Each structure stands twice: as structure tokens, then as C-alpha cells.
Amino acid sequence: MKKEGFVKSVLITKTDFIKNSLTWDVRTVVWHCSNIVIKEKGLNLKGLGFAGTKDNLANCYTTEIDNEVKRNTFVSERYNTHNQFIDFYLSAGLFAIILFTAFLISLFIKNRKDFFLTALLVVVTSYFLMENVFHRQLGAYYAGFVFIILLTQYHPLRNNDIKA
């Protein structure tokens, strides 16, 4: 009786691991198609627009994905680039990615002496490499909250700051 429960739990764990690992499969396909679109379009100064980017990616999914079920899923879901930097470059162009990167660099220079703020910036920048934060309302709220903290140089109260 106990052995059957253990075997069942091991099978569920293996299945969950495989399902969670498949999110990397989505990203590799999307990043591959993003790279193809970038190469096809050449130097992108003004961008393709946000809808144009998704259209170009969907066209790439139809030609690059062999598995019909997977291809239909990618085309119907119209997966975004899963990288905020690539998305800005494709959607808004070279100047947008330069401005966004300059903004992040200026935040780093401003906050480089504070460990907490630097760590917060590194985490949010790393997250931008894996997800399109600004494509979701809640993601934009979180990013805005983090940017407000970084811009105002928030410091928690320290013992020597309290005056009696």
C-alpha cells in the first residue's frame, strides 16, 4: 500500500519536472525566432511595433516549428519574445533599447554604493532577460515599484538615524 503511493508520487514528481522544464523549450524556440527576425530585418532603427513584432514571430513559428501541435500552439498563443531587451529592440527600435539600457546603467551608477539597491537592480535586470515584464499589467506595476525605489534611493531606518 505504501509502496504504491510512493511510486505514484515519484511519477507525479517526474511529470511536474518535465512540465516545468518545458518552459525552457518555449524560450529557446521564441529566442531562435527572435534571432531570425532580427537577421531578416537588419538594423532596426524605428521598430516593427508591438503587434508587428508578434506578427513576425508568428510567421517564424509557422516556418520553423516542425511539430504541428506545437506549431499551432505557438501561432495561436502568439508568444512574445520572453526578453525585455529583445522586445524593445524589435518593437521600438535601436533608440528605444539604447535609452532603456542607458536608464539601467544610470540607475546602477547612482546606486552602486548601496548593496540592497544594487542587488535589486541586478535581480530586475536579470528578470528582464527571461521575461517581457511590460507586456503584463502586474509586471509593469512591479517594475515601476522597483524603479521608484531605485530612483528615490530608499533607505530603511538605521539605528543611528533615529534622533531622540
N, C-alpha and C. Protein backbone atom coordinates (compact mmCIF):
# COMPACT_ATOMS: atom_id res chain seq x y z
N MET A 1 0.83 -1.20 0.00
CA MET A 1 0.00 0.00 0.00
C MET A 1 0.87 1.25 0.00
N LYS A 2 1.84 1.32 0.93
CA LYS A 2 2.72 2.48 0.99
C LYS A 2 3.58 2.58 -0.26
N LYS A 3 4.00 1.41 -0.79
CA LYS A 3 4.86 1.41 -1.96
C LYS A 3 4.13 1.99 -3.18
N GLU A 4 2.84 1.68 -3.33
CA GLU A 4 2.07 2.22 -4.45
C GLU A 4 2.00 3.74 -4.37
N GLY A 5 1.79 4.29 -3.19
CA GLY A 5 1.73 5.74 -3.00
C GLY A 5 3.06 6.39 -3.34
N PHE A 6 4.16 5.71 -2.97
CA PHE A 6 5.48 6.24 -3.27
C PHE A 6 5.73 6.28 -4.78
N VAL A 7 5.39 5.18 -5.47
CA VAL A 7 5.58 5.11 -6.91
C VAL A 7 4.74 6.18 -7.60
N LYS A 8 3.51 6.35 -7.15
CA LYS A 8 2.62 7.35 -7.73
C LYS A 8 3.19 8.76 -7.52
N SER A 9 3.71 9.03 -6.32
CA SER A 9 4.27 10.36 -6.05
C SER A 9 5.54 10.60 -6.87
N VAL A 10 6.35 9.57 -7.10
CA VAL A 10 7.55 9.71 -7.92
C VAL A 10 7.15 10.02 -9.36
N LEU A 11 6.13 9.34 -9.88
CA LEU A 11 5.67 9.60 -11.24
C LEU A 11 5.13 11.01 -11.39
N ILE A 12 4.38 11.48 -10.40
CA ILE A 12 3.85 12.85 -10.43
C ILE A 12 5.00 13.86 -10.40
N THR A 13 5.99 13.60 -9.55
CA THR A 13 7.15 14.49 -9.46
C THR A 13 7.89 14.55 -10.78
N LYS A 14 8.11 13.40 -11.43
CA LYS A 14 8.80 13.37 -12.72
C LYS A 14 7.99 14.14 -13.77
N THR A 15 6.68 13.95 -13.79
CA THR A 15 5.83 14.64 -14.75
C THR A 15 5.87 16.15 -14.51
N ASP A 16 5.79 16.58 -13.26
CA ASP A 16 5.86 18.01 -12.94
C ASP A 16 7.21 18.59 -13.35
N PHE A 17 8.28 17.85 -13.13
CA PHE A 17 9.60 18.33 -13.52
C PHE A 17 9.68 18.53 -15.03
N ILE A 18 9.15 17.58 -15.77
CA ILE A 18 9.18 17.69 -17.23
C ILE A 18 8.33 18.87 -17.69
N LYS A 19 7.15 19.05 -17.11
CA LYS A 19 6.30 20.18 -17.47
C LYS A 19 6.99 21.50 -17.17
N ASN A 20 7.64 21.60 -16.02
CA ASN A 20 8.34 22.84 -15.66
C ASN A 20 9.56 23.06 -16.55
N SER A 21 10.18 22.00 -17.00
CA SER A 21 11.35 22.13 -17.87
C SER A 21 10.95 22.58 -19.27
N LEU A 22 9.71 22.33 -19.65
CA LEU A 22 9.27 22.69 -20.99
C LEU A 22 9.17 24.20 -21.18
N THR A 23 9.15 24.98 -20.10
CA THR A 23 9.14 26.44 -20.27
C THR A 23 10.44 26.89 -20.93
N TRP A 24 11.51 26.14 -20.73
CA TRP A 24 12.77 26.47 -21.43
C TRP A 24 12.63 26.20 -22.91
N ASP A 25 11.85 25.17 -23.25
CA ASP A 25 11.61 24.86 -24.65
C ASP A 25 10.92 26.03 -25.34
N VAL A 26 9.93 26.63 -24.68
CA VAL A 26 9.24 27.80 -25.23
C VAL A 26 10.23 28.92 -25.48
N ARG A 27 11.06 29.20 -24.49
CA ARG A 27 12.02 30.30 -24.62
C ARG A 27 13.04 30.05 -25.73
N THR A 28 13.53 28.84 -25.85
CA THR A 28 14.52 28.58 -26.89
C THR A 28 13.93 28.75 -28.28
N VAL A 29 12.69 28.31 -28.47
CA VAL A 29 12.04 28.49 -29.77
C VAL A 29 11.79 29.97 -30.04
N VAL A 30 11.28 30.68 -29.04
CA VAL A 30 10.98 32.11 -29.21
C VAL A 30 12.26 32.90 -29.45
N TRP A 31 13.32 32.62 -28.70
CA TRP A 31 14.58 33.34 -28.89
C TRP A 31 15.18 33.03 -30.26
N HIS A 32 15.03 31.79 -30.70
CA HIS A 32 15.51 31.41 -32.03
C HIS A 32 14.77 32.22 -33.10
N CYS A 33 13.46 32.29 -32.99
CA CYS A 33 12.67 33.06 -33.96
C CYS A 33 12.97 34.56 -33.85
N SER A 34 13.19 35.05 -32.66
CA SER A 34 13.56 36.46 -32.49
C SER A 34 14.86 36.76 -33.22
N ASN A 35 15.81 35.85 -33.10
CA ASN A 35 17.09 36.00 -33.79
C ASN A 35 16.89 36.00 -35.31
N ILE A 36 16.04 35.13 -35.80
CA ILE A 36 15.75 35.08 -37.24
C ILE A 36 15.13 36.40 -37.70
N VAL A 37 14.17 36.92 -36.94
CA VAL A 37 13.52 38.19 -37.31
C VAL A 37 14.53 39.32 -37.30
N ILE A 38 15.41 39.34 -36.31
CA ILE A 38 16.45 40.39 -36.24
C ILE A 38 17.35 40.32 -37.46
N LYS A 39 17.77 39.11 -37.84
CA LYS A 39 18.63 38.96 -39.02
C LYS A 39 17.91 39.35 -40.31
N GLU A 40 16.63 39.00 -40.41
CA GLU A 40 15.86 39.34 -41.61
C GLU A 40 15.67 40.85 -41.76
N LYS A 41 15.41 41.54 -40.67
CA LYS A 41 15.07 42.96 -40.73
C LYS A 41 16.31 43.85 -40.79
N GLY A 42 17.45 43.33 -40.43
CA GLY A 42 18.67 44.15 -40.44
C GLY A 42 18.65 45.16 -39.30
N LEU A 43 19.32 46.28 -39.50
CA LEU A 43 19.38 47.33 -38.48
C LEU A 43 18.00 47.93 -38.30
N ASN A 44 17.48 47.84 -37.10
CA ASN A 44 16.10 48.22 -36.81
C ASN A 44 16.10 49.54 -36.05
N LEU A 45 15.98 50.66 -36.74
CA LEU A 45 16.03 51.97 -36.10
C LEU A 45 14.70 52.38 -35.47
N LYS A 46 13.60 52.16 -36.17
CA LYS A 46 12.32 52.65 -35.65
C LYS A 46 11.42 51.57 -35.10
N GLY A 47 11.74 50.33 -35.26
CA GLY A 47 10.96 49.25 -34.69
C GLY A 47 9.85 48.77 -35.60
N LEU A 48 9.31 47.61 -35.25
CA LEU A 48 8.25 46.98 -36.02
C LEU A 48 6.88 47.23 -35.40
N GLY A 49 6.86 47.82 -34.21
CA GLY A 49 5.62 47.95 -33.46
C GLY A 49 5.39 46.69 -32.65
N PHE A 50 4.59 46.80 -31.61
CA PHE A 50 4.39 45.64 -30.74
C PHE A 50 3.56 44.57 -31.44
N ALA A 51 2.54 44.96 -32.18
CA ALA A 51 1.75 43.98 -32.94
C ALA A 51 2.57 43.41 -34.09
N GLY A 52 3.38 44.26 -34.74
CA GLY A 52 4.23 43.80 -35.83
C GLY A 52 5.25 42.78 -35.38
N THR A 53 5.77 42.97 -34.18
CA THR A 53 6.73 42.01 -33.63
C THR A 53 6.06 40.65 -33.44
N LYS A 54 4.86 40.66 -32.86
CA LYS A 54 4.15 39.39 -32.66
C LYS A 54 3.79 38.74 -33.99
N ASP A 55 3.42 39.55 -34.99
CA ASP A 55 3.10 39.01 -36.32
C ASP A 55 4.33 38.35 -36.94
N ASN A 56 5.48 39.03 -36.85
CA ASN A 56 6.72 38.46 -37.40
C ASN A 56 7.12 37.18 -36.69
N LEU A 57 6.96 37.16 -35.37
CA LEU A 57 7.27 35.94 -34.61
C LEU A 57 6.32 34.81 -35.00
N ALA A 58 5.03 35.11 -35.14
CA ALA A 58 4.05 34.07 -35.52
C ALA A 58 4.37 33.51 -36.90
N ASN A 59 4.78 34.37 -37.82
CA ASN A 59 5.19 33.89 -39.15
C ASN A 59 6.40 32.97 -39.05
N CYS A 60 7.33 33.33 -38.17
CA CYS A 60 8.52 32.49 -37.97
C CYS A 60 8.13 31.14 -37.37
N TYR A 61 7.19 31.15 -36.43
CA TYR A 61 6.77 29.89 -35.81
C TYR A 61 6.20 28.93 -36.87
N THR A 62 5.48 29.48 -37.84
CA THR A 62 4.88 28.61 -38.86
C THR A 62 5.93 27.93 -39.73
N THR A 63 7.07 28.60 -39.93
CA THR A 63 8.10 28.01 -40.79
C THR A 63 9.15 27.22 -40.01
N GLU A 64 9.38 27.56 -38.76
CA GLU A 64 10.50 26.96 -38.01
C GLU A 64 10.12 25.75 -37.16
N ILE A 65 8.85 25.61 -36.80
CA ILE A 65 8.45 24.52 -35.90
C ILE A 65 7.87 23.38 -36.74
N ASP A 66 8.45 22.20 -36.62
CA ASP A 66 8.02 21.05 -37.41
C ASP A 66 6.79 20.36 -36.82
N ASN A 67 6.75 20.21 -35.50
CA ASN A 67 5.64 19.54 -34.82
C ASN A 67 4.37 20.37 -34.99
N GLU A 68 3.35 19.78 -35.61
CA GLU A 68 2.13 20.52 -35.94
C GLU A 68 1.39 21.02 -34.70
N VAL A 69 1.29 20.20 -33.66
CA VAL A 69 0.58 20.61 -32.44
C VAL A 69 1.32 21.77 -31.78
N LYS A 70 2.62 21.63 -31.68
CA LYS A 70 3.44 22.68 -31.08
C LYS A 70 3.36 23.96 -31.92
N ARG A 71 3.44 23.84 -33.24
CA ARG A 71 3.36 25.00 -34.12
C ARG A 71 2.03 25.72 -33.95
N ASN A 72 0.93 24.96 -33.91
CA ASN A 72 -0.39 25.57 -33.75
C ASN A 72 -0.52 26.28 -32.41
N THR A 73 0.08 25.71 -31.38
CA THR A 73 0.05 26.35 -30.06
C THR A 73 0.81 27.66 -30.10
N PHE A 74 2.00 27.65 -30.67
CA PHE A 74 2.81 28.87 -30.72
C PHE A 74 2.13 29.96 -31.54
N VAL A 75 1.53 29.57 -32.66
CA VAL A 75 0.88 30.56 -33.53
C VAL A 75 -0.38 31.11 -32.87
N SER A 76 -1.18 30.23 -32.26
CA SER A 76 -2.43 30.69 -31.64
C SER A 76 -2.17 31.53 -30.38
N GLU A 77 -1.16 31.17 -29.61
CA GLU A 77 -0.84 31.93 -28.39
C GLU A 77 -0.06 33.20 -28.70
N ARG A 78 0.57 33.25 -29.89
CA ARG A 78 1.37 34.41 -30.30
C ARG A 78 2.36 34.80 -29.19
N TYR A 79 3.21 33.86 -28.84
CA TYR A 79 4.18 34.08 -27.77
C TYR A 79 5.05 35.30 -28.04
N ASN A 80 5.28 36.09 -27.01
CA ASN A 80 6.16 37.26 -27.14
C ASN A 80 7.61 36.81 -27.04
N THR A 81 8.53 37.76 -27.06
CA THR A 81 9.96 37.44 -27.16
C THR A 81 10.56 36.85 -25.89
N HIS A 82 9.89 36.96 -24.77
CA HIS A 82 10.41 36.46 -23.49
C HIS A 82 11.77 37.06 -23.14
N ASN A 83 12.00 38.28 -23.56
CA ASN A 83 13.21 39.02 -23.22
C ASN A 83 12.89 40.49 -23.44
N GLN A 84 12.92 41.28 -22.37
CA GLN A 84 12.52 42.67 -22.47
C GLN A 84 13.43 43.47 -23.40
N PHE A 85 14.70 43.15 -23.42
CA PHE A 85 15.65 43.88 -24.27
C PHE A 85 15.39 43.60 -25.75
N ILE A 86 15.21 42.33 -26.09
CA ILE A 86 14.92 41.96 -27.47
C ILE A 86 13.58 42.56 -27.89
N ASP A 87 12.61 42.56 -26.98
CA ASP A 87 11.30 43.11 -27.30
C ASP A 87 11.38 44.60 -27.60
N PHE A 88 12.12 45.35 -26.79
CA PHE A 88 12.28 46.79 -27.06
C PHE A 88 12.97 47.01 -28.40
N TYR A 89 13.99 46.20 -28.68
CA TYR A 89 14.70 46.37 -29.95
C TYR A 89 13.79 46.09 -31.14
N LEU A 90 13.07 44.97 -31.10
CA LEU A 90 12.20 44.63 -32.22
C LEU A 90 11.00 45.56 -32.33
N SER A 91 10.38 45.88 -31.21
CA SER A 91 9.14 46.65 -31.23
C SER A 91 9.34 48.15 -31.41
N ALA A 92 10.34 48.70 -30.72
CA ALA A 92 10.51 50.16 -30.71
C ALA A 92 11.80 50.62 -31.38
N GLY A 93 12.69 49.71 -31.67
CA GLY A 93 13.89 50.07 -32.43
C GLY A 93 15.14 50.27 -31.58
N LEU A 94 16.19 50.61 -32.28
CA LEU A 94 17.51 50.75 -31.68
C LEU A 94 17.55 51.86 -30.63
N PHE A 95 16.91 52.99 -30.93
CA PHE A 95 16.96 54.11 -29.98
C PHE A 95 16.28 53.77 -28.67
N ALA A 96 15.20 52.99 -28.72
CA ALA A 96 14.49 52.59 -27.50
C ALA A 96 15.37 51.70 -26.62
N ILE A 97 16.05 50.74 -27.24
CA ILE A 97 16.90 49.85 -26.44
C ILE A 97 18.09 50.61 -25.88
N ILE A 98 18.61 51.57 -26.63
CA ILE A 98 19.71 52.40 -26.11
C ILE A 98 19.24 53.21 -24.91
N LEU A 99 18.07 53.83 -25.02
CA LEU A 99 17.53 54.62 -23.90
C LEU A 99 17.26 53.75 -22.68
N PHE A 100 16.67 52.59 -22.90
CA PHE A 100 16.36 51.69 -21.78
C PHE A 100 17.64 51.21 -21.10
N THR A 101 18.62 50.82 -21.89
CA THR A 101 19.90 50.37 -21.33
C THR A 101 20.62 51.50 -20.62
N ALA A 102 20.58 52.71 -21.19
CA ALA A 102 21.20 53.87 -20.53
C ALA A 102 20.51 54.16 -19.20
N PHE A 103 19.20 54.00 -19.16
CA PHE A 103 18.45 54.19 -17.91
C PHE A 103 18.92 53.20 -16.85
N LEU A 104 19.05 51.93 -17.22
CA LEU A 104 19.50 50.92 -16.26
C LEU A 104 20.94 51.18 -15.82
N ILE A 105 21.80 51.60 -16.73
CA ILE A 105 23.19 51.91 -16.38
C ILE A 105 23.25 53.10 -15.44
N SER A 106 22.44 54.13 -15.71
CA SER A 106 22.43 55.31 -14.82
C SER A 106 21.92 54.95 -13.43
N LEU A 107 20.94 54.04 -13.35
CA LEU A 107 20.48 53.57 -12.04
C LEU A 107 21.60 52.83 -11.31
N PHE A 108 22.36 52.04 -12.05
CA PHE A 108 23.47 51.33 -11.42
C PHE A 108 24.53 52.30 -10.91
N ILE A 109 24.88 53.30 -11.71
CA ILE A 109 25.89 54.28 -11.29
C ILE A 109 25.40 55.04 -10.06
N LYS A 110 24.13 55.40 -10.06
CA LYS A 110 23.57 56.17 -8.94
C LYS A 110 23.55 55.35 -7.65
N ASN A 111 23.28 54.06 -7.75
CA ASN A 111 23.06 53.23 -6.57
C ASN A 111 24.16 52.22 -6.30
N ARG A 112 25.30 52.36 -6.95
CA ARG A 112 26.33 51.33 -6.87
C ARG A 112 26.93 51.15 -5.48
N LYS A 113 26.84 52.13 -4.61
CA LYS A 113 27.44 52.02 -3.28
C LYS A 113 26.51 51.38 -2.25
N ASP A 114 25.27 51.15 -2.64
CA ASP A 114 24.30 50.54 -1.73
C ASP A 114 24.04 49.11 -2.18
N PHE A 115 24.39 48.15 -1.31
CA PHE A 115 24.28 46.74 -1.68
C PHE A 115 22.85 46.35 -2.01
N PHE A 116 21.89 46.75 -1.18
CA PHE A 116 20.49 46.37 -1.39
C PHE A 116 19.97 46.88 -2.72
N LEU A 117 20.22 48.14 -3.02
CA LEU A 117 19.72 48.72 -4.26
C LEU A 117 20.42 48.13 -5.48
N THR A 118 21.70 47.86 -5.37
CA THR A 118 22.42 47.23 -6.48
C THR A 118 21.91 45.81 -6.71
N ALA A 119 21.68 45.07 -5.64
CA ALA A 119 21.15 43.72 -5.76
C ALA A 119 19.75 43.74 -6.37
N LEU A 120 18.93 44.70 -5.97
CA LEU A 120 17.60 44.84 -6.52
C LEU A 120 17.65 45.12 -8.02
N LEU A 121 18.57 45.97 -8.43
CA LEU A 121 18.73 46.29 -9.85
C LEU A 121 19.23 45.07 -10.63
N VAL A 122 20.15 44.32 -10.07
CA VAL A 122 20.66 43.12 -10.74
C VAL A 122 19.54 42.09 -10.90
N VAL A 123 18.72 41.93 -9.88
CA VAL A 123 17.63 40.96 -9.96
C VAL A 123 16.62 41.36 -11.03
N VAL A 124 16.21 42.62 -11.03
CA VAL A 124 15.21 43.06 -12.01
C VAL A 124 15.78 43.02 -13.43
N THR A 125 17.04 43.36 -13.59
CA THR A 125 17.67 43.29 -14.91
C THR A 125 17.78 41.84 -15.37
N SER A 126 18.11 40.94 -14.47
CA SER A 126 18.17 39.52 -14.81
C SER A 126 16.79 39.00 -15.20
N TYR A 127 15.77 39.48 -14.52
CA TYR A 127 14.41 39.07 -14.86
C TYR A 127 14.01 39.58 -16.24
N PHE A 128 14.50 40.77 -16.61
CA PHE A 128 14.23 41.31 -17.94
C PHE A 128 14.81 40.41 -19.03
N LEU A 129 15.86 39.67 -18.71
CA LEU A 129 16.47 38.75 -19.68
C LEU A 129 15.61 37.52 -19.93
N MET A 130 14.69 37.22 -19.01
CA MET A 130 13.90 35.99 -19.10
C MET A 130 12.42 36.22 -19.40
N GLU A 131 11.96 37.44 -19.29
CA GLU A 131 10.52 37.69 -19.41
C GLU A 131 10.26 39.10 -19.93
N ASN A 132 9.12 39.25 -20.61
CA ASN A 132 8.65 40.57 -21.03
C ASN A 132 7.79 41.13 -19.91
N VAL A 133 8.37 41.90 -19.06
CA VAL A 133 7.68 42.41 -17.88
C VAL A 133 6.58 43.40 -18.27
N PHE A 134 6.84 44.23 -19.24
CA PHE A 134 5.92 45.30 -19.59
C PHE A 134 4.75 44.85 -20.45
N HIS A 135 4.68 43.57 -20.78
CA HIS A 135 3.54 43.06 -21.54
C HIS A 135 2.39 42.67 -20.63
N ARG A 136 2.60 42.71 -19.35
CA ARG A 136 1.55 42.37 -18.39
C ARG A 136 1.40 43.53 -17.41
N GLN A 137 0.16 43.81 -17.07
CA GLN A 137 -0.12 44.95 -16.21
C GLN A 137 0.56 44.80 -14.85
N LEU A 138 0.47 43.62 -14.25
CA LEU A 138 1.08 43.41 -12.95
C LEU A 138 2.61 43.51 -13.04
N GLY A 139 3.19 43.03 -14.13
CA GLY A 139 4.64 43.14 -14.32
C GLY A 139 5.08 44.59 -14.42
N ALA A 140 4.28 45.40 -15.10
CA ALA A 140 4.60 46.83 -15.21
C ALA A 140 4.50 47.50 -13.84
N TYR A 141 3.50 47.09 -13.04
CA TYR A 141 3.39 47.64 -11.67
C TYR A 141 4.63 47.30 -10.85
N TYR A 142 5.04 46.03 -10.88
CA TYR A 142 6.21 45.61 -10.12
C TYR A 142 7.47 46.34 -10.57
N ALA A 143 7.66 46.42 -11.88
CA ALA A 143 8.85 47.12 -12.41
C ALA A 143 8.81 48.59 -12.00
N GLY A 144 7.64 49.21 -12.09
CA GLY A 144 7.51 50.61 -11.68
C GLY A 144 7.82 50.80 -10.21
N PHE A 145 7.35 49.89 -9.37
CA PHE A 145 7.64 49.96 -7.94
C PHE A 145 9.14 49.84 -7.67
N VAL A 146 9.78 48.91 -8.33
CA VAL A 146 11.23 48.73 -8.16
C VAL A 146 11.97 49.98 -8.64
N PHE A 147 11.56 50.54 -9.78
CA PHE A 147 12.22 51.74 -10.30
C PHE A 147 12.01 52.94 -9.37
N ILE A 148 10.84 53.05 -8.75
CA ILE A 148 10.61 54.13 -7.79
C ILE A 148 11.57 53.99 -6.61
N ILE A 149 11.73 52.78 -6.11
CA ILE A 149 12.67 52.55 -5.01
C ILE A 149 14.08 52.92 -5.43
N LEU A 150 14.48 52.51 -6.63
CA LEU A 150 15.83 52.79 -7.11
C LEU A 150 16.05 54.28 -7.38
N LEU A 151 15.04 54.97 -7.85
CA LEU A 151 15.19 56.40 -8.16
C LEU A 151 15.17 57.29 -6.92
N THR A 152 14.44 56.87 -5.90
CA THR A 152 14.35 57.70 -4.69
C THR A 152 15.42 57.34 -3.67
N GLN A 153 16.23 56.37 -3.98
CA GLN A 153 17.29 55.91 -3.07
C GLN A 153 16.72 55.60 -1.70
N TYR A 154 15.73 54.74 -1.67
CA TYR A 154 15.08 54.30 -0.44
C TYR A 154 16.11 53.67 0.48
N HIS A 155 16.13 54.10 1.73
CA HIS A 155 16.99 53.51 2.74
C HIS A 155 16.15 53.19 3.97
N PRO A 156 16.18 51.95 4.42
CA PRO A 156 15.45 51.64 5.64
C PRO A 156 16.06 52.38 6.83
N LEU A 157 15.26 52.59 7.84
CA LEU A 157 15.73 53.29 9.03
C LEU A 157 16.89 52.53 9.67
N ARG A 158 17.90 53.22 10.01
CA ARG A 158 19.03 52.62 10.71
C ARG A 158 19.06 53.18 12.12
N ASN A 159 19.70 52.48 13.02
CA ASN A 159 19.72 52.90 14.42
C ASN A 159 20.30 54.28 14.61
N ASN A 160 21.32 54.64 13.85
CA ASN A 160 21.95 55.94 14.02
C ASN A 160 21.14 57.07 13.38
N ASP A 161 20.09 56.72 12.62
CA ASP A 161 19.24 57.73 12.02
C ASP A 161 18.15 58.23 12.98
N ILE A 162 17.88 57.46 14.03
CA ILE A 162 16.82 57.82 14.97
C ILE A 162 17.35 58.87 15.94
N LYS A 163 16.63 59.96 16.02
CA LYS A 163 17.04 61.03 16.94
C LYS A 163 16.04 61.11 18.07
N ALA A 164 16.55 61.13 19.28
CA ALA A 164 15.66 61.16 20.45
C ALA A 164 15.37 62.57 20.89
